């Protein structure tokens, strides 16, 4: 499995666990820490955005393509 796929799976798993935990906190306490949610999910979004930029630059430079040249 590629490293980028592992990172995306870990990021998705963490986001799912975090959202579940915040839902439980809301059900128990009646409120959630809005700032914690904003910065945690924002950092995850930034991580995914940067990973996408790395993948795009690798494909554009020819390093990320899985095609074989038939020339």
Protein backbone atom coordinates (compact mmCIF):
# COMPACT_ATOMS: atom_id res chain seq x y z
CA UNK A 1 0.00 0.00 0.00
CA UNK A 2 1.28 3.46 -0.88
CA UNK A 3 2.27 5.83 1.89
CA UNK A 4 -0.26 8.44 0.76
CA UNK A 5 -3.07 5.88 1.06
CA UNK A 6 -1.95 5.00 4.59
CA UNK A 7 -1.90 8.69 5.53
CA UNK A 8 -5.40 9.21 4.09
CA UNK A 9 -6.75 6.16 5.93
CA UNK A 10 -5.20 7.35 9.20
CA UNK A 11 -6.58 10.86 8.65
CA UNK A 12 -10.06 9.49 7.91
CA UNK A 13 -9.95 7.17 10.93
CA UNK A 14 -8.89 10.00 13.21
CA UNK A 15 -11.60 12.30 11.86
CA UNK A 16 -14.24 9.61 12.34
CA UNK A 17 -13.09 8.91 15.91
CA UNK A 18 -12.93 12.63 16.70
CA UNK A 19 -16.42 13.31 15.35
CA UNK A 20 -17.78 10.32 17.27
CA UNK A 21 -16.14 11.53 20.48
CA UNK A 22 -17.52 15.06 20.01
CA UNK A 23 -21.00 13.62 19.40
CA UNK A 24 -20.77 11.67 22.65
CA UNK A 25 -19.54 14.77 24.51
CA UNK A 26 -22.49 16.73 23.12
CA UNK A 27 -24.98 14.05 24.19
CA UNK A 28 -23.52 13.91 27.72
CA UNK A 29 -22.72 17.59 28.38
CA UNK A 30 -25.10 19.39 26.02
CA UNK A 31 -22.28 21.45 24.50
CA UNK A 32 -19.03 20.92 22.63
CA UNK A 33 -15.69 22.76 22.54
CA UNK A 34 -16.18 24.67 19.29
CA UNK A 35 -12.62 25.97 19.06
CA UNK A 36 -11.16 22.47 19.45
CA UNK A 37 -13.40 21.17 16.67
CA UNK A 38 -12.56 24.07 14.37
CA UNK A 39 -8.79 23.70 14.71
CA UNK A 40 -8.72 19.89 14.69
CA UNK A 41 -10.81 19.48 11.55
CA UNK A 42 -9.06 22.47 9.96
CA UNK A 43 -5.66 20.87 10.49
CA UNK A 44 -6.96 17.65 8.94
CA UNK A 45 -8.26 19.55 5.94
CA UNK A 46 -4.94 21.32 5.55
CA UNK A 47 -3.11 17.99 5.69
CA UNK A 48 -5.36 16.55 2.96
CA UNK A 49 -4.91 19.69 0.84
CA UNK A 50 -1.13 19.52 1.10
CA UNK A 51 -1.12 15.80 0.27
CA UNK A 52 -3.23 16.54 -2.82
CA UNK A 53 -0.73 19.22 -3.85
CA UNK A 54 2.14 16.78 -3.52
CA UNK A 55 0.29 14.18 -5.62
CA UNK A 56 -0.56 16.71 -8.35
CA UNK A 57 3.02 17.96 -8.54
CA UNK A 58 4.32 14.39 -8.74
CA UNK A 59 1.95 13.53 -11.59
CA UNK A 60 2.76 16.73 -13.48
CA UNK A 61 6.49 16.11 -13.18
CA UNK A 62 6.07 12.52 -14.38
CA UNK A 63 7.20 10.82 -11.19
CA UNK A 64 3.73 9.79 -10.04
CA UNK A 65 2.36 8.23 -13.20
CA UNK A 66 1.97 4.48 -13.22
CA UNK A 67 1.87 4.31 -17.01
CA UNK A 68 4.69 2.74 -18.93
CA UNK A 69 5.98 4.64 -21.94
CA UNK A 70 5.44 2.69 -25.12
CA UNK A 71 7.68 4.83 -27.33
